Amino acid sequence: MLNYGYAVIRASLAHANVATALLPSLGIHHRSRSNSFCLADDHLEPLRPLVDDKVRDIHRQVSVELDQLAKAELLEILSQAMQLGDQNGPWMLMLARCMASLVRCYAGDSKKLEIPTPARP
């Protein structure tokens, strides 16, 4: 179940990388000729707790198999409200802003990478 959740997040990260003109195969820490999404894997690392928490919640509801219901609940991560700096918004919007922050870091315009976190109520 964790692997499915990570794959969902990884796919959204790869999409955001391409949308901001980043090459997903050029990772920062992950490097492999057989992996076309090294950069997405780099970005996935600090976001793993989102999936871990969701899987824990699903297990508490007694669903321990990766069935359609569990998959649907894991996909809810993509619609979760996130916070980036002082702004809240949907996952995909905050992810695009995170990738724009990475582009600014690469360009030398910023030294701080902004990473989205779950929005606080």
C-alpha atoms as a PDB file:
ATOM      1  CA  MET A   1       0.000   0.000   0.000  1.00  0.00           C
ATOM      2  CA  LEU A   2       2.892   2.346   0.737  1.00  0.00           C
ATOM      3  CA  ASN A   3       4.375   1.723  -2.699  1.00  0.00           C
ATOM      4  CA  TYR A   4       1.077   2.604  -4.390  1.00  0.00           C
ATOM      5  CA  GLY A   5       0.859   5.834  -2.395  1.00  0.00           C
ATOM      6  CA  TYR A   6       4.447   6.731  -3.221  1.00  0.00           C
ATOM      7  CA  ALA A   7       3.753   6.036  -6.906  1.00  0.00           C
ATOM      8  CA  VAL A   8       0.787   8.439  -6.840  1.00  0.00           C
ATOM      9  CA  ILE A   9       2.921  11.208  -5.334  1.00  0.00           C
ATOM     10  CA  ARG A  10       5.854  10.410  -7.629  1.00  0.00           C
ATOM     11  CA  ALA A  11       3.641  10.723 -10.713  1.00  0.00           C
ATOM     12  CA  SER A  12       2.364  14.135  -9.601  1.00  0.00           C
ATOM     13  CA  LEU A  13       5.943  15.238  -8.908  1.00  0.00           C
ATOM     14  CA  ALA A  14       7.108  14.086 -12.347  1.00  0.00           C
ATOM     15  CA  HIS A  15       4.210  15.993 -13.910  1.00  0.00           C
ATOM     16  CA  ALA A  16       5.142  19.147 -11.986  1.00  0.00           C
ATOM     17  CA  ASN A  17       8.802  18.757 -13.003  1.00  0.00           C
ATOM     18  CA  VAL A  18       7.931  18.631 -16.680  1.00  0.00           C
ATOM     19  CA  ALA A  19       5.401  21.471 -16.330  1.00  0.00           C
ATOM     20  CA  THR A  20       8.160  23.750 -15.020  1.00  0.00           C
ATOM     21  CA  ALA A  21      10.650  22.712 -17.732  1.00  0.00           C
ATOM     22  CA  LEU A  22      12.782  20.621 -15.383  1.00  0.00           C
ATOM     23  CA  LEU A  23      14.272  17.390 -16.711  1.00  0.00           C
ATOM     24  CA  PRO A  24      12.905  14.623 -14.494  1.00  0.00           C
ATOM     25  CA  SER A  25      15.810  12.304 -15.298  1.00  0.00           C
ATOM     26  CA  LEU A  26      18.401  14.715 -13.827  1.00  0.00           C
ATOM     27  CA  GLY A  27      18.231  14.068 -10.114  1.00  0.00           C
ATOM     28  CA  ILE A  28      20.046  15.796  -7.289  1.00  0.00           C
ATOM     29  CA  HIS A  29      20.739  12.734  -5.130  1.00  0.00           C
ATOM     30  CA  HIS A  30      19.082   9.943  -7.123  1.00  0.00           C
ATOM     31  CA  ARG A  31      21.039   8.876 -10.196  1.00  0.00           C
ATOM     32  CA  SER A  32      20.329   5.941 -12.461  1.00  0.00           C
ATOM     33  CA  ARG A  33      20.369   5.363 -16.192  1.00  0.00           C
ATOM     34  CA  SER A  34      17.359   3.094 -15.858  1.00  0.00           C
ATOM     35  CA  ASN A  35      15.274   5.620 -13.871  1.00  0.00           C
ATOM     36  CA  SER A  36      13.689   8.405 -15.890  1.00  0.00           C
ATOM     37  CA  PHE A  37      12.302  10.136 -12.807  1.00  0.00           C
ATOM     38  CA  CYS A  38      15.309  10.690 -10.528  1.00  0.00           C
ATOM     39  CA  LEU A  39      14.305  14.287  -9.795  1.00  0.00           C
ATOM     40  CA  ALA A  40      10.789  13.211  -8.811  1.00  0.00           C
ATOM     41  CA  ASP A  41      12.347  10.633  -6.495  1.00  0.00           C
ATOM     42  CA  ASP A  42      14.461  13.375  -4.899  1.00  0.00           C
ATOM     43  CA  HIS A  43      11.346  15.460  -4.289  1.00  0.00           C
ATOM     44  CA  LEU A  44       9.444  12.465  -2.962  1.00  0.00           C
ATOM     45  CA  GLU A  45      11.736  11.932   0.024  1.00  0.00           C
ATOM     46  CA  PRO A  46      10.478  14.798   2.254  1.00  0.00           C
ATOM     47  CA  LEU A  47       6.861  14.022   1.277  1.00  0.00           C
ATOM     48  CA  ARG A  48       6.861  10.333   2.247  1.00  0.00           C
ATOM     49  CA  PRO A  49       5.262  11.063   5.660  1.00  0.00           C
ATOM     50  CA  LEU A  50       2.087  12.217   3.847  1.00  0.00           C
ATOM     51  CA  VAL A  51       1.692   8.721   2.421  1.00  0.00           C
ATOM     52  CA  ASP A  52       2.821   7.034   5.621  1.00  0.00           C
ATOM     53  CA  ASP A  53       0.173   8.904   7.647  1.00  0.00           C
ATOM     54  CA  LYS A  54      -2.569   8.132   5.129  1.00  0.00           C
ATOM     55  CA  VAL A  55      -1.701   4.412   5.064  1.00  0.00           C
ATOM     56  CA  ARG A  56      -1.701   4.344   8.865  1.00  0.00           C
ATOM     57  CA  ASP A  57      -5.172   5.935   8.853  1.00  0.00           C
ATOM     58  CA  ILE A  58      -6.421   3.375   6.321  1.00  0.00           C
ATOM     59  CA  HIS A  59      -5.065   0.515   8.447  1.00  0.00           C
ATOM     60  CA  ARG A  60      -6.853   1.918  11.482  1.00  0.00           C
ATOM     61  CA  GLN A  61     -10.078   1.568   9.501  1.00  0.00           C
ATOM     62  CA  VAL A  62      -9.306  -2.178   9.200  1.00  0.00           C
ATOM     63  CA  SER A  63      -8.594  -2.061   5.459  1.00  0.00           C
ATOM     64  CA  VAL A  64      -5.220  -3.791   5.151  1.00  0.00           C
ATOM     65  CA  GLU A  65      -5.445  -4.733   1.480  1.00  0.00           C
ATOM     66  CA  LEU A  66      -4.857  -2.495  -1.502  1.00  0.00           C
ATOM     67  CA  ASP A  67      -8.424  -2.595  -2.763  1.00  0.00           C
ATOM     68  CA  GLN A  68     -10.353   0.042  -4.715  1.00  0.00           C
ATOM     69  CA  LEU A  69     -11.402   1.834  -1.532  1.00  0.00           C
ATOM     70  CA  ALA A  70      -7.817   2.040  -0.265  1.00  0.00           C
ATOM     71  CA  LYS A  71      -6.627   3.308  -3.656  1.00  0.00           C
ATOM     72  CA  ALA A  72      -9.333   5.984  -3.662  1.00  0.00           C
ATOM     73  CA  GLU A  73      -8.306   7.098  -0.185  1.00  0.00           C
ATOM     74  CA  LEU A  74      -4.648   7.294  -1.222  1.00  0.00           C
ATOM     75  CA  LEU A  75      -5.610   9.393  -4.243  1.00  0.00           C
ATOM     76  CA  GLU A  76      -7.214  11.875  -1.835  1.00  0.00           C
ATOM     77  CA  ILE A  77      -3.680  13.026  -1.011  1.00  0.00           C
ATOM     78  CA  LEU A  78      -3.686  14.855  -4.358  1.00  0.00           C
ATOM     79  CA  SER A  79      -6.706  16.935  -3.328  1.00  0.00           C
ATOM     80  CA  GLN A  80      -5.419  17.606   0.175  1.00  0.00           C
ATOM     81  CA  ALA A  81      -4.956  21.240   1.176  1.00  0.00           C
ATOM     82  CA  MET A  82      -1.281  22.116   1.476  1.00  0.00           C
ATOM     83  CA  GLN A  83       0.621  25.076   2.841  1.00  0.00           C
ATOM     84  CA  LEU A  84       3.610  26.707   1.182  1.00  0.00           C
ATOM     85  CA  GLY A  85       4.944  29.677   3.067  1.00  0.00           C
ATOM     86  CA  ASP A  86       1.939  31.749   4.096  1.00  0.00           C
ATOM     87  CA  GLN A  87      -0.334  30.397   1.345  1.00  0.00           C
ATOM     88  CA  ASN A  88      -2.750  27.466   1.424  1.00  0.00           C
ATOM     89  CA  GLY A  89      -4.029  25.685  -1.639  1.00  0.00           C
ATOM     90  CA  PRO A  90      -4.594  22.366  -3.345  1.00  0.00           C
ATOM     91  CA  TRP A  91      -1.739  19.888  -3.676  1.00  0.00           C
ATOM     92  CA  MET A  92      -1.097  20.403  -7.398  1.00  0.00           C
ATOM     93  CA  LEU A  93      -0.942  24.218  -7.108  1.00  0.00           C
ATOM     94  CA  MET A  94       1.428  24.092  -4.142  1.00  0.00           C
ATOM     95  CA  LEU A  95       3.516  21.507  -5.980  1.00  0.00           C
ATOM     96  CA  ALA A  96       3.837  23.813  -8.996  1.00  0.00           C
ATOM     97  CA  ARG A  97       4.989  26.595  -6.673  1.00  0.00           C
ATOM     98  CA  CYS A  98       7.502  24.235  -5.083  1.00  0.00           C
ATOM     99  CA  MET A  99       8.943  23.425  -8.518  1.00  0.00           C
ATOM    100  CA  ALA A 100       9.098  27.149  -9.358  1.00  0.00           C
ATOM    101  CA  SER A 101      11.037  27.594  -6.112  1.00  0.00           C
ATOM    102  CA  LEU A 102      13.467  24.903  -7.258  1.00  0.00           C
ATOM    103  CA  VAL A 103      13.944  26.694 -10.582  1.00  0.00           C
ATOM    104  CA  ARG A 104      14.781  29.900  -8.666  1.00  0.00           C
ATOM    105  CA  CYS A 105      17.327  27.942  -6.607  1.00  0.00           C
ATOM    106  CA  TYR A 106      18.914  26.486  -9.738  1.00  0.00           C
ATOM    107  CA  ALA A 107      19.057  29.958 -11.304  1.00  0.00           C
ATOM    108  CA  GLY A 108      20.799  31.345  -8.217  1.00  0.00           C
ATOM    109  CA  ASP A 109      17.917  33.702  -7.388  1.00  0.00           C
ATOM    110  CA  SER A 110      17.137  31.945  -4.102  1.00  0.00           C
ATOM    111  CA  LYS A 111      18.926  29.743  -1.608  1.00  0.00           C
ATOM    112  CA  LYS A 112      15.784  28.398   0.033  1.00  0.00           C
ATOM    113  CA  LEU A 113      13.682  25.611  -1.461  1.00  0.00           C
ATOM    114  CA  GLU A 114      10.042  25.886  -0.467  1.00  0.00           C
ATOM    115  CA  ILE A 115       8.447  22.513   0.292  1.00  0.00           C
ATOM    116  CA  PRO A 116       4.691  22.158   0.807  1.00  0.00           C
ATOM    117  CA  THR A 117       3.366  20.780   4.080  1.00  0.00           C
ATOM    118  CA  PRO A 118      -0.176  19.775   5.064  1.00  0.00           C
ATOM    119  CA  ALA A 119      -2.286  22.871   5.717  1.00  0.00           C
ATOM    120  CA  ARG A 120      -3.084  23.603   9.315  1.00  0.00           C
ATOM    121  CA  PRO A 121      -6.772  23.996  10.121  1.00  0.00           C
END
